[in-house]
Amino acid sequence: MQRIGECFSSLSDLSFGTHQRIAAVWRAFFLAIGAMLIIVGVETLLIDSATIYSAAESSATDFMDPTSTPGQKTKVVKPDEWIPWAAMSVGAVVVLYAFTLPQRWNRGGG
């Protein structure tokens, strides 16, 4: 079994095609994180509060029955005014970073 440091040091020995595939995976990962942050930021911008039901006390049929309360324990989350803007800002920066990753790796910078 190889140690983690040995695995990462062997990444420089990979062929060009494998390096491109690894770069594409990292780029897709950062794009997904950035898009998710932007979506969460827009959602929190549009809502005033969100009610979270306790999963331990409710079942799927409780949500389908309009006469019953889905969960006895609920938590109301009211996001502060800065949260949507911060999430969208960080998401935009992460997306821009993901688009510049190929240029960074081609010139050899970090």
PDB file of N, CA and C in Angstrom:
ATOM      1  N   MET A   1       0.840  -1.171   0.000  1.00  0.00           N
ATOM      2  CA  MET A   1       0.000   0.000   0.000  1.00  0.00           C
ATOM      3  C   MET A   1       0.893   1.245   0.000  1.00  0.00           C
ATOM      4  N   GLN A   2       0.633   2.132  -0.974  1.00  0.00           N
ATOM      5  CA  GLN A   2       1.448   3.334  -1.081  1.00  0.00           C
ATOM      6  C   GLN A   2       0.981   4.389  -0.082  1.00  0.00           C
ATOM      7  N   ARG A   3       1.910   5.191   0.340  1.00  0.00           N
ATOM      8  CA  ARG A   3       1.562   6.299   1.209  1.00  0.00           C
ATOM      9  C   ARG A   3       0.970   7.422   0.366  1.00  0.00           C
ATOM     10  N   ILE A   4       0.235   8.309   1.009  1.00  0.00           N
ATOM     11  CA  ILE A   4      -0.457   9.373   0.283  1.00  0.00           C
ATOM     12  C   ILE A   4       0.536  10.293  -0.408  1.00  0.00           C
ATOM     13  N   GLY A   5       1.604  10.625   0.244  1.00  0.00           N
ATOM     14  CA  GLY A   5       2.609  11.495  -0.364  1.00  0.00           C
ATOM     15  C   GLY A   5       3.218  10.885  -1.614  1.00  0.00           C
ATOM     16  N   GLU A   6       3.422   9.562  -1.599  1.00  0.00           N
ATOM     17  CA  GLU A   6       3.974   8.890  -2.772  1.00  0.00           C
ATOM     18  C   GLU A   6       2.986   8.917  -3.927  1.00  0.00           C
ATOM     19  N   CYS A   7       1.694   8.826  -3.623  1.00  0.00           N
ATOM     20  CA  CYS A   7       0.674   8.875  -4.676  1.00  0.00           C
ATOM     21  C   CYS A   7       0.675  10.235  -5.354  1.00  0.00           C
ATOM     22  N   PHE A   8       0.762  11.309  -4.558  1.00  0.00           N
ATOM     23  CA  PHE A   8       0.744  12.637  -5.142  1.00  0.00           C
ATOM     24  C   PHE A   8       2.043  12.948  -5.879  1.00  0.00           C
ATOM     25  N   SER A   9       3.162  12.415  -5.420  1.00  0.00           N
ATOM     26  CA  SER A   9       4.406  12.673  -6.125  1.00  0.00           C
ATOM     27  C   SER A   9       4.450  11.934  -7.450  1.00  0.00           C
ATOM     28  N   SER A  10       3.708  10.839  -7.564  1.00  0.00           N
ATOM     29  CA  SER A  10       3.693  10.113  -8.830  1.00  0.00           C
ATOM     30  C   SER A  10       2.781  10.761  -9.856  1.00  0.00           C
ATOM     31  N   LEU A  11       1.999  11.783  -9.469  1.00  0.00           N
ATOM     32  CA  LEU A  11       1.130  12.463 -10.427  1.00  0.00           C
ATOM     33  C   LEU A  11       1.928  13.197 -11.494  1.00  0.00           C
ATOM     34  N   SER A  12       3.134  13.628 -11.169  1.00  0.00           N
ATOM     35  CA  SER A  12       3.938  14.327 -12.160  1.00  0.00           C
ATOM     36  C   SER A  12       4.449  13.381 -13.236  1.00  0.00           C
ATOM     37  N   ASP A  13       4.420  12.075 -12.985  1.00  0.00           N
ATOM     38  CA  ASP A  13       4.871  11.105 -13.961  1.00  0.00           C
ATOM     39  C   ASP A  13       3.781  10.686 -14.944  1.00  0.00           C
ATOM     40  N   LEU A  14       2.580  11.238 -14.807  1.00  0.00           N
ATOM     41  CA  LEU A  14       1.465  10.826 -15.652  1.00  0.00           C
ATOM     42  C   LEU A  14       1.631  11.346 -17.069  1.00  0.00           C
ATOM     43  N   SER A  15       1.014  10.660 -17.993  1.00  0.00           N
ATOM     44  CA  SER A  15       1.078  11.094 -19.386  1.00  0.00           C
ATOM     45  C   SER A  15       0.216  12.334 -19.580  1.00  0.00           C
ATOM     46  N   PHE A  16       0.349  12.958 -20.738  1.00  0.00           N
ATOM     47  CA  PHE A  16      -0.352  14.209 -21.017  1.00  0.00           C
ATOM     48  C   PHE A  16      -1.861  14.014 -21.020  1.00  0.00           C
ATOM     49  N   GLY A  17      -2.349  12.931 -21.574  1.00  0.00           N
ATOM     50  CA  GLY A  17      -3.789  12.678 -21.635  1.00  0.00           C
ATOM     51  C   GLY A  17      -4.392  12.488 -20.266  1.00  0.00           C
ATOM     52  N   THR A  18      -3.685  11.789 -19.395  1.00  0.00           N
ATOM     53  CA  THR A  18      -4.183  11.570 -18.047  1.00  0.00           C
ATOM     54  C   THR A  18      -4.196  12.885 -17.277  1.00  0.00           C
ATOM     55  N   HIS A  19      -3.194  13.710 -17.490  1.00  0.00           N
ATOM     56  CA  HIS A  19      -3.147  15.010 -16.822  1.00  0.00           C
ATOM     57  C   HIS A  19      -4.334  15.869 -17.247  1.00  0.00           C
ATOM     58  N   GLN A  20      -4.700  15.817 -18.515  1.00  0.00           N
ATOM     59  CA  GLN A  20      -5.845  16.591 -18.987  1.00  0.00           C
ATOM     60  C   GLN A  20      -7.142  16.090 -18.361  1.00  0.00           C
ATOM     61  N   ARG A  21      -7.250  14.770 -18.191  1.00  0.00           N
ATOM     62  CA  ARG A  21      -8.464  14.222 -17.576  1.00  0.00           C
ATOM     63  C   ARG A  21      -8.564  14.632 -16.110  1.00  0.00           C
ATOM     64  N   ILE A  22      -7.453  14.617 -15.399  1.00  0.00           N
ATOM     65  CA  ILE A  22      -7.453  15.046 -13.994  1.00  0.00           C
ATOM     66  C   ILE A  22      -7.804  16.530 -13.911  1.00  0.00           C
ATOM     67  N   ALA A  23      -7.266  17.328 -14.825  1.00  0.00           N
ATOM     68  CA  ALA A  23      -7.578  18.757 -14.848  1.00  0.00           C
ATOM     69  C   ALA A  23      -9.057  18.978 -15.131  1.00  0.00           C
ATOM     70  N   ALA A  24      -9.638  18.171 -16.013  1.00  0.00           N
ATOM     71  CA  ALA A  24     -11.063  18.312 -16.311  1.00  0.00           C
ATOM     72  C   ALA A  24     -11.924  17.954 -15.110  1.00  0.00           C
ATOM     73  N   VAL A  25     -11.500  16.965 -14.336  1.00  0.00           N
ATOM     74  CA  VAL A  25     -12.249  16.590 -13.133  1.00  0.00           C
ATOM     75  C   VAL A  25     -12.205  17.721 -12.107  1.00  0.00           C
ATOM     76  N   TRP A  26     -11.028  18.310 -11.886  1.00  0.00           N
ATOM     77  CA  TRP A  26     -10.922  19.421 -10.934  1.00  0.00           C
ATOM     78  C   TRP A  26     -11.725  20.620 -11.410  1.00  0.00           C
ATOM     79  N   ARG A  27     -11.676  20.885 -12.706  1.00  0.00           N
ATOM     80  CA  ARG A  27     -12.437  22.013 -13.248  1.00  0.00           C
ATOM     81  C   ARG A  27     -13.933  21.787 -13.053  1.00  0.00           C
ATOM     82  N   ALA A  28     -14.406  20.586 -13.321  1.00  0.00           N
ATOM     83  CA  ALA A  28     -15.822  20.270 -13.132  1.00  0.00           C
ATOM     84  C   ALA A  28     -16.216  20.371 -11.663  1.00  0.00           C
ATOM     85  N   PHE A  29     -15.323  19.943 -10.771  1.00  0.00           N
ATOM     86  CA  PHE A  29     -15.594  20.030  -9.336  1.00  0.00           C
ATOM     87  C   PHE A  29     -15.774  21.484  -8.902  1.00  0.00           C
ATOM     88  N   PHE A  30     -14.860  22.351  -9.312  1.00  0.00           N
ATOM     89  CA  PHE A  30     -14.958  23.756  -8.924  1.00  0.00           C
ATOM     90  C   PHE A  30     -16.150  24.445  -9.584  1.00  0.00           C
ATOM     91  N   LEU A  31     -16.469  24.068 -10.818  1.00  0.00           N
ATOM     92  CA  LEU A  31     -17.660  24.622 -11.457  1.00  0.00           C
ATOM     93  C   LEU A  31     -18.917  24.223 -10.695  1.00  0.00           C
ATOM     94  N   ALA A  32     -18.993  22.978 -10.256  1.00  0.00           N
ATOM     95  CA  ALA A  32     -20.165  22.506  -9.514  1.00  0.00           C
ATOM     96  C   ALA A  32     -20.294  23.227  -8.178  1.00  0.00           C
ATOM     97  N   ILE A  33     -19.186  23.391  -7.467  1.00  0.00           N
ATOM     98  CA  ILE A  33     -19.218  24.096  -6.182  1.00  0.00           C
ATOM     99  C   ILE A  33     -19.646  25.549  -6.385  1.00  0.00           C
ATOM    100  N   GLY A  34     -19.081  26.204  -7.385  1.00  0.00           N
ATOM    101  CA  GLY A  34     -19.429  27.603  -7.653  1.00  0.00           C
ATOM    102  C   GLY A  34     -20.880  27.763  -8.075  1.00  0.00           C
ATOM    103  N   ALA A  35     -21.361  26.872  -8.941  1.00  0.00           N
ATOM    104  CA  ALA A  35     -22.758  26.947  -9.370  1.00  0.00           C
ATOM    105  C   ALA A  35     -23.699  26.702  -8.195  1.00  0.00           C
ATOM    106  N   MET A  36     -23.339  25.766  -7.335  1.00  0.00           N
ATOM    107  CA  MET A  36     -24.178  25.485  -6.165  1.00  0.00           C
ATOM    108  C   MET A  36     -24.232  26.697  -5.236  1.00  0.00           C
ATOM    109  N   LEU A  37     -23.111  27.356  -5.030  1.00  0.00           N
ATOM    110  CA  LEU A  37     -23.108  28.556  -4.184  1.00  0.00           C
ATOM    111  C   LEU A  37     -23.953  29.677  -4.790  1.00  0.00           C
ATOM    112  N   ILE A  38     -23.895  29.825  -6.092  1.00  0.00           N
ATOM    113  CA  ILE A  38     -24.708  30.850  -6.752  1.00  0.00           C
ATOM    114  C   ILE A  38     -26.193  30.516  -6.611  1.00  0.00           C
ATOM    115  N   ILE A  39     -26.554  29.252  -6.802  1.00  0.00           N
ATOM    116  CA  ILE A  39     -27.959  28.840  -6.680  1.00  0.00           C
ATOM    117  C   ILE A  39     -28.458  29.045  -5.248  1.00  0.00           C
ATOM    118  N   VAL A  40     -27.661  28.644  -4.268  1.00  0.00           N
ATOM    119  CA  VAL A  40     -28.060  28.834  -2.865  1.00  0.00           C
ATOM    120  C   VAL A  40     -28.176  30.326  -2.549  1.00  0.00           C
ATOM    121  N   GLY A  41     -27.292  31.135  -3.097  1.00  0.00           N
ATOM    122  CA  GLY A  41     -27.369  32.576  -2.871  1.00  0.00           C
ATOM    123  C   GLY A  41     -28.632  33.184  -3.457  1.00  0.00           C
ATOM    124  N   VAL A  42     -29.004  32.768  -4.660  1.00  0.00           N
ATOM    125  CA  VAL A  42     -30.229  33.277  -5.278  1.00  0.00           C
ATOM    126  C   VAL A  42     -31.452  32.808  -4.491  1.00  0.00           C
ATOM    127  N   GLU A  43     -31.428  31.548  -4.057  1.00  0.00           N
ATOM    128  CA  GLU A  43     -32.559  31.030  -3.273  1.00  0.00           C
ATOM    129  C   GLU A  43     -32.720  31.791  -1.955  1.00  0.00           C
ATOM    130  N   THR A  44     -31.620  32.039  -1.259  1.00  0.00           N
ATOM    131  CA  THR A  44     -31.731  32.757   0.008  1.00  0.00           C
ATOM    132  C   THR A  44     -32.078  34.232  -0.206  1.00  0.00           C
ATOM    133  N   LEU A  45     -31.804  34.747  -1.393  1.00  0.00           N
ATOM    134  CA  LEU A  45     -32.194  36.120  -1.699  1.00  0.00           C
ATOM    135  C   LEU A  45     -33.707  36.219  -1.892  1.00  0.00           C
ATOM    136  N   LEU A  46     -34.317  35.150  -2.411  1.00  0.00           N
ATOM    137  CA  LEU A  46     -35.738  35.173  -2.735  1.00  0.00           C
ATOM    138  C   LEU A  46     -36.648  34.789  -1.575  1.00  0.00           C
ATOM    139  N   ILE A  47     -36.127  34.156  -0.541  1.00  0.00           N
ATOM    140  CA  ILE A  47     -36.975  33.726   0.569  1.00  0.00           C
ATOM    141  C   ILE A  47     -36.776  34.628   1.782  1.00  0.00           C
ATOM    142  N   ASP A  48     -37.801  34.681   2.625  1.00  0.00           N
ATOM    143  CA  ASP A  48     -37.677  35.395   3.890  1.00  0.00           C
ATOM    144  C   ASP A  48     -37.256  34.450   5.003  1.00  0.00           C
ATOM    145  N   SER A  49     -37.798  33.225   4.963  1.00  0.00           N
ATOM    146  CA  SER A  49     -37.450  32.229   5.965  1.00  0.00           C
ATOM    147  C   SER A  49     -37.707  30.841   5.381  1.00  0.00           C
ATOM    148  N   ALA A  50     -37.079  29.851   5.976  1.00  0.00           N
ATOM    149  CA  ALA A  50     -37.262  28.455   5.575  1.00  0.00           C
ATOM    150  C   ALA A  50     -37.567  27.647   6.825  1.00  0.00           C
ATOM    151  N   THR A  51     -38.546  26.750   6.721  1.00  0.00           N
ATOM    152  CA  THR A  51     -38.912  25.887   7.836  1.00  0.00           C
ATOM    153  C   THR A  51     -38.358  24.502   7.578  1.00  0.00           C
ATOM    154  N   ILE A  52     -37.550  24.011   8.504  1.00  0.00           N
ATOM    155  CA  ILE A  52     -36.927  22.697   8.379  1.00  0.00           C
ATOM    156  C   ILE A  52     -37.623  21.756   9.354  1.00  0.00           C
ATOM    157  N   TYR A  53     -38.117  20.646   8.816  1.00  0.00           N
ATOM    158  CA  TYR A  53     -38.820  19.668   9.630  1.00  0.00           C
ATOM    159  C   TYR A  53     -37.852  18.611  10.125  1.00  0.00           C
ATOM    160  N   SER A  54     -38.125  18.055  11.293  1.00  0.00           N
ATOM    161  CA  SER A  54     -37.303  16.993  11.854  1.00  0.00           C
ATOM    162  C   SER A  54     -37.573  15.699  11.090  1.00  0.00           C
ATOM    163  N   ALA A  55     -36.536  15.094  10.548  1.00  0.00           N
ATOM    164  CA  ALA A  55     -36.697  13.871   9.759  1.00  0.00           C
ATOM    165  C   ALA A  55     -36.974  12.658  10.635  1.00  0.00           C
ATOM    166  N   ALA A  56     -36.594  12.708  11.892  1.00  0.00           N
ATOM    167  CA  ALA A  56     -36.762  11.551  12.766  1.00  0.00           C
ATOM    168  C   ALA A  56     -38.225  11.302  13.104  1.00  0.00           C
ATOM    169  N   GLU A  57     -39.036  12.339  13.113  1.00  0.00           N
ATOM    170  CA  GLU A  57     -40.423  12.192  13.528  1.00  0.00           C
ATOM    171  C   GLU A  57     -41.419  12.209  12.381  1.00  0.00           C
ATOM    172  N   SER A  58     -40.981  12.306  11.137  1.00  0.00           N
ATOM    173  CA  SER A  58     -41.914  12.381  10.027  1.00  0.00           C
ATOM    174  C   SER A  58     -41.577  11.330   8.978  1.00  0.00           C
ATOM    175  N   SER A  59     -42.581  11.016   8.186  1.00  0.00           N
ATOM    176  CA  SER A  59     -42.386  10.071   7.085  1.00  0.00           C
ATOM    177  C   SER A  59     -42.834  10.745   5.795  1.00  0.00           C
ATOM    178  N   ALA A  60     -42.617  10.065   4.689  1.00  0.00           N
ATOM    179  CA  ALA A  60     -42.974  10.639   3.391  1.00  0.00           C
ATOM    180  C   ALA A  60     -44.482  10.819   3.257  1.00  0.00           C
ATOM    181  N   THR A  61     -45.265   9.936   3.859  1.00  0.00           N
ATOM    182  CA  THR A  61     -46.719  10.055   3.756  1.00  0.00           C
ATOM    183  C   THR A  61     -47.239  11.256   4.536  1.00  0.00           C
ATOM    184  N   ASP A  62     -46.529  11.686   5.567  1.00  0.00           N
ATOM    185  CA  ASP A  62     -46.944  12.877   6.316  1.00  0.00           C
ATOM    186  C   ASP A  62     -46.909  14.127   5.446  1.00  0.00           C
ATOM    187  N   PHE A  63     -45.991  14.179   4.512  1.00  0.00           N
ATOM    188  CA  PHE A  63     -45.885  15.348   3.643  1.00  0.00           C
ATOM    189  C   PHE A  63     -46.978  15.348   2.576  1.00  0.00           C
ATOM    190  N   MET A  64     -47.519  14.186   2.234  1.00  0.00           N
ATOM    191  CA  MET A  64     -48.558  14.088   1.212  1.00  0.00           C
ATOM    192  C   MET A  64     -49.950  14.379   1.774  1.00  0.00           C
ATOM    193  N   ASP A  65     -50.151  14.201   3.064  1.00  0.00           N
ATOM    194  CA  ASP A  65     -51.449  14.431   3.690  1.00  0.00           C
ATOM    195  C   ASP A  65     -51.559  15.901   4.091  1.00  0.00           C
ATOM    196  N   PRO A  66     -52.459  16.664   3.463  1.00  0.00           N
ATOM    197  CA  PRO A  66     -52.536  18.098   3.771  1.00  0.00           C
ATOM    198  C   PRO A  66     -53.106  18.403   5.148  1.00  0.00           C
ATOM    199  N   THR A  67     -53.741  17.433   5.799  1.00  0.00           N
ATOM    200  CA  THR A  67     -54.339  17.704   7.108  1.00  0.00           C
ATOM    201  C   THR A  67     -53.375  17.474   8.255  1.00  0.00           C
ATOM    202  N   SER A  68     -52.263  16.776   8.001  1.00  0.00           N
ATOM    203  CA  SER A  68     -51.344  16.478   9.083  1.00  0.00           C
ATOM    204  C   SER A  68     -50.150  17.419   9.067  1.00  0.00           C
ATOM    205  N   THR A  69     -49.530  17.550  10.207  1.00  0.00           N
ATOM    206  CA  THR A  69     -48.299  18.327  10.323  1.00  0.00           C
ATOM    207  C   THR A  69     -47.132  17.394  10.038  1.00  0.00           C
ATOM    208  N   PRO A  70     -46.249  17.731   9.102  1.00  0.00           N
ATOM    209  CA  PRO A  70     -45.166  16.807   8.728  1.00  0.00           C
ATOM    210  C   PRO A  70     -44.219  16.459   9.866  1.00  0.00           C
ATOM    211  N   GLY A  71     -43.960  17.349  10.748  1.00  0.00           N
ATOM    212  CA  GLY A  71     -43.049  17.056  11.856  1.00  0.00           C
ATOM    213  C   GLY A  71     -43.410  17.893  13.062  1.00  0.00           C
ATOM    214  N   GLN A  72     -43.240  17.337  14.212  1.00  0.00           N
ATOM    215  CA  GLN A  72     -43.571  18.078  15.421  1.00  0.00           C
ATOM    216  C   GLN A  72     -42.482  19.095  15.757  1.00  0.00           C
ATOM    217  N   LYS A  73     -41.237  18.734  15.480  1.00  0.00           N
ATOM    218  CA  LYS A  73     -40.133  19.652  15.737  1.00  0.00           C
ATOM    219  C   LYS A  73     -39.751  20.339  14.433  1.00  0.00           C
ATOM    220  N   THR A  74     -39.865  21.623  14.422  1.00  0.00           N
ATOM    221  CA  THR A  74     -39.472  22.391  13.245  1.00  0.00           C
ATOM    222  C   THR A  74     -38.481  23.463  13.669  1.00  0.00           C
ATOM    223  N   LYS A  75     -37.688  23.871  12.705  1.00  0.00           N
ATOM    224  CA  LYS A  75     -36.736  24.948  12.941  1.00  0.00           C
ATOM    225  C   LYS A  75     -36.906  25.967  11.823  1.00  0.00           C
ATOM    226  N   VAL A  76     -37.089  27.208  12.163  1.00  0.00           N
ATOM    227  CA  VAL A  76     -37.244  28.268  11.178  1.00  0.00           C
ATOM    228  C   VAL A  76     -35.902  28.973  11.019  1.00  0.00           C
ATOM    229  N   VAL A  77     -35.414  28.993   9.789  1.00  0.00           N
ATOM    230  CA  VAL A  77     -34.135  29.625   9.477  1.00  0.00           C
ATOM    231  C   VAL A  77     -34.417  30.915   8.723  1.00  0.00           C
ATOM    232  N   LYS A  78     -33.926  32.016   9.261  1.00  0.00           N
ATOM    233  CA  LYS A  78     -34.060  33.318   8.611  1.00  0.00           C
ATOM    234  C   LYS A  78     -32.655  33.801   8.265  1.00  0.00           C
ATOM    235  N   PRO A  79     -32.274  33.708   6.979  1.00  0.00           N
ATOM    236  CA  PRO A  79     -30.913  34.118   6.615  1.00  0.00           C
ATOM    237  C   PRO A  79     -30.726  35.624   6.762  1.00  0.00           C
ATOM    238  N   ASP A  80     -29.554  36.006   7.242  1.00  0.00           N
ATOM    239  CA  ASP A  80     -29.224  37.423   7.354  1.00  0.00           C
ATOM    240  C   ASP A  80     -29.143  38.038   5.961  1.00  0.00           C
ATOM    241  N   GLU A  81     -29.152  39.344   5.906  1.00  0.00           N
ATOM    242  CA  GLU A  81     -29.175  40.032   4.619  1.00  0.00           C
ATOM    243  C   GLU A  81     -27.873  39.862   3.828  1.00  0.00           C
ATOM    244  N   TRP A  82     -26.774  39.615   4.498  1.00  0.00           N
ATOM    245  CA  TRP A  82     -25.485  39.497   3.817  1.00  0.00           C
ATOM    246  C   TRP A  82     -25.237  38.100   3.252  1.00  0.00           C
ATOM    247  N   ILE A  83     -25.960  37.088   3.713  1.00  0.00           N
ATOM    248  CA  ILE A  83     -25.689  35.706   3.299  1.00  0.00           C
ATOM    249  C   ILE A  83     -25.897  35.475   1.793  1.00  0.00           C
ATOM    250  N   PRO A  84     -27.013  35.934   1.189  1.00  0.00           N
ATOM    251  CA  PRO A  84     -27.162  35.690  -0.253  1.00  0.00           C
ATOM    252  C   PRO A  84     -26.067  36.348  -1.082  1.00  0.00           C
ATOM    253  N   TRP A  85     -25.700  37.563  -0.705  1.00  0.00           N
ATOM    254  CA  TRP A  85     -24.683  38.282  -1.478  1.00  0.00           C
ATOM    255  C   TRP A  85     -23.311  37.629  -1.320  1.00  0.00           C
ATOM    256  N   ALA A  86     -23.021  37.173  -0.131  1.00  0.00           N
ATOM    257  CA  ALA A  86     -21.742  36.497   0.088  1.00  0.00           C
ATOM    258  C   ALA A  86     -21.681  35.183  -0.679  1.00  0.00           C
ATOM    259  N   ALA A  87     -22.761  34.412  -0.649  1.00  0.00           N
ATOM    260  CA  ALA A  87     -22.774  33.124  -1.358  1.00  0.00           C
ATOM    261  C   ALA A  87     -22.644  33.331  -2.863  1.00  0.00           C
ATOM    262  N   MET A  88     -23.370  34.313  -3.413  1.00  0.00           N
ATOM    263  CA  MET A  88     -23.264  34.569  -4.854  1.00  0.00           C
ATOM    264  C   MET A  88     -21.883  35.095  -5.225  1.00  0.00           C
ATOM    265  N   SER A  89     -21.292  35.921  -4.381  1.00  0.00           N
ATOM    266  CA  SER A  89     -19.961  36.468  -4.660  1.00  0.00           C
ATOM    267  C   SER A  89     -18.907  35.366  -4.656  1.00  0.00           C
ATOM    268  N   VAL A  90     -18.925  34.547  -3.620  1.00  0.00           N
ATOM    269  CA  VAL A  90     -17.948  33.454  -3.532  1.00  0.00           C
ATOM    270  C   VAL A  90     -18.167  32.469  -4.672  1.00  0.00           C
ATOM    271  N   GLY A  91     -19.418  32.184  -5.008  1.00  0.00           N
ATOM    272  CA  GLY A  91     -19.713  31.290  -6.119  1.00  0.00           C
ATOM    273  C   GLY A  91     -19.186  31.822  -7.445  1.00  0.00           C
ATOM    274  N   ALA A  92     -19.347  33.127  -7.669  1.00  0.00           N
ATOM    275  CA  ALA A  92     -18.841  33.727  -8.906  1.00  0.00           C
ATOM    276  C   ALA A  92     -17.318  33.663  -8.976  1.00  0.00           C
ATOM    277  N   VAL A  93     -16.653  33.908  -7.858  1.00  0.00           N
ATOM    278  CA  VAL A  93     -15.189  33.833  -7.832  1.00  0.00           C
ATOM    279  C   VAL A  93     -14.724  32.396  -8.094  1.00  0.00           C
ATOM    280  N   VAL A  94     -15.407  31.419  -7.512  1.00  0.00           N
ATOM    281  CA  VAL A  94     -15.026  30.017  -7.716  1.00  0.00           C
ATOM    282  C   VAL A  94     -15.249  29.613  -9.171  1.00  0.00           C
ATOM    283  N   VAL A  95     -16.342  30.063  -9.789  1.00  0.00           N
ATOM    284  CA  VAL A  95     -16.586  29.752 -11.204  1.00  0.00           C
ATOM    285  C   VAL A  95     -15.510  30.388 -12.075  1.00  0.00           C
ATOM    286  N   LEU A  96     -15.168  31.633 -11.802  1.00  0.00           N
ATOM    287  CA  LEU A  96     -14.091  32.276 -12.571  1.00  0.00           C
ATOM    288  C   LEU A  96     -12.763  31.556 -12.378  1.00  0.00           C
ATOM    289  N   TYR A  97     -12.507  31.103 -11.164  1.00  0.00           N
ATOM    290  CA  TYR A  97     -11.301  30.332 -10.905  1.00  0.00           C
ATOM    291  C   TYR A  97     -11.300  29.036 -11.717  1.00  0.00           C
ATOM    292  N   ALA A  98     -12.457  28.383 -11.799  1.00  0.00           N
ATOM    293  CA  ALA A  98     -12.536  27.135 -12.561  1.00  0.00           C
ATOM    294  C   ALA A  98     -12.275  27.372 -14.037  1.00  0.00           C
ATOM    295  N   PHE A  99     -12.715  28.506 -14.557  1.00  0.00           N
ATOM    296  CA  PHE A  99     -12.461  28.798 -15.968  1.00  0.00           C
ATOM    297  C   PHE A  99     -11.005  29.142 -16.236  1.00  0.00           C
ATOM    298  N   THR A 100     -10.282  29.630 -15.230  1.00  0.00           N
ATOM    299  CA  THR A 100      -8.878  29.978 -15.444  1.00  0.00           C
ATOM    300  C   THR A 100      -7.926  28.841 -15.088  1.00  0.00           C
ATOM    301  N   LEU A 101      -8.428  27.733 -14.548  1.00  0.00           N
ATOM    302  CA  LEU A 101      -7.546  26.615 -14.192  1.00  0.00           C
ATOM    303  C   LEU A 101      -6.736  26.085 -15.374  1.00  0.00           C
ATOM    304  N   PRO A 102      -7.332  25.864 -16.543  1.00  0.00           N
ATOM    305  CA  PRO A 102      -6.512  25.348 -17.654  1.00  0.00           C
ATOM    306  C   PRO A 102      -5.350  26.273 -18.027  1.00  0.00           C
ATOM    307  N   GLN A 103      -5.577  27.578 -18.003  1.00  0.00           N
ATOM    308  CA  GLN A 103      -4.504  28.509 -18.333  1.00  0.00           C
ATOM    309  C   GLN A 103      -3.402  28.459 -17.272  1.00  0.00           C
ATOM    310  N   ARG A 104      -3.792  28.296 -16.001  1.00  0.00           N
ATOM    311  CA  ARG A 104      -2.798  28.213 -14.941  1.00  0.00           C
ATOM    312  C   ARG A 104      -1.940  26.969 -15.091  1.00  0.00           C
ATOM    313  N   TRP A 105      -2.571  25.832 -15.430  1.00  0.00           N
ATOM    314  CA  TRP A 105      -1.812  24.601 -15.539  1.00  0.00           C
ATOM    315  C   TRP A 105      -0.952  24.562 -16.799  1.00  0.00           C
ATOM    316  N   ASN A 106      -1.397  25.209 -17.872  1.00  0.00           N
ATOM    317  CA  ASN A 106      -0.603  25.218 -19.095  1.00  0.00           C
ATOM    318  C   ASN A 106       0.660  26.033 -18.946  1.00  0.00           C
ATOM    319  N   ARG A 107       0.630  27.092 -18.163  1.00  0.00           N
ATOM    320  CA  ARG A 107       1.834  27.902 -18.010  1.00  0.00           C
ATOM    321  C   ARG A 107       2.698  27.408 -16.843  1.00  0.00           C
ATOM    322  N   GLY A 108       2.195  26.433 -16.083  1.00  0.00           N
ATOM    323  CA  GLY A 108       2.983  25.833 -15.020  1.00  0.00           C
ATOM    324  C   GLY A 108       2.876  26.527 -13.691  1.00  0.00           C
ATOM    325  N   GLY A 109       1.962  27.495 -13.562  1.00  0.00           N
ATOM    326  CA  GLY A 109       1.787  28.211 -12.299  1.00  0.00           C
ATOM    327  C   GLY A 109       0.835  27.489 -11.379  1.00  0.00           C
ATOM    328  N   GLY A 110       0.709  27.970 -10.139  1.00  0.00           N
ATOM    329  CA  GLY A 110      -0.176  27.326  -9.191  1.00  0.00           C
ATOM    330  C   GLY A 110      -1.311  28.108  -8.760  1.00  0.00           C
TER     331      GLY A 110
END
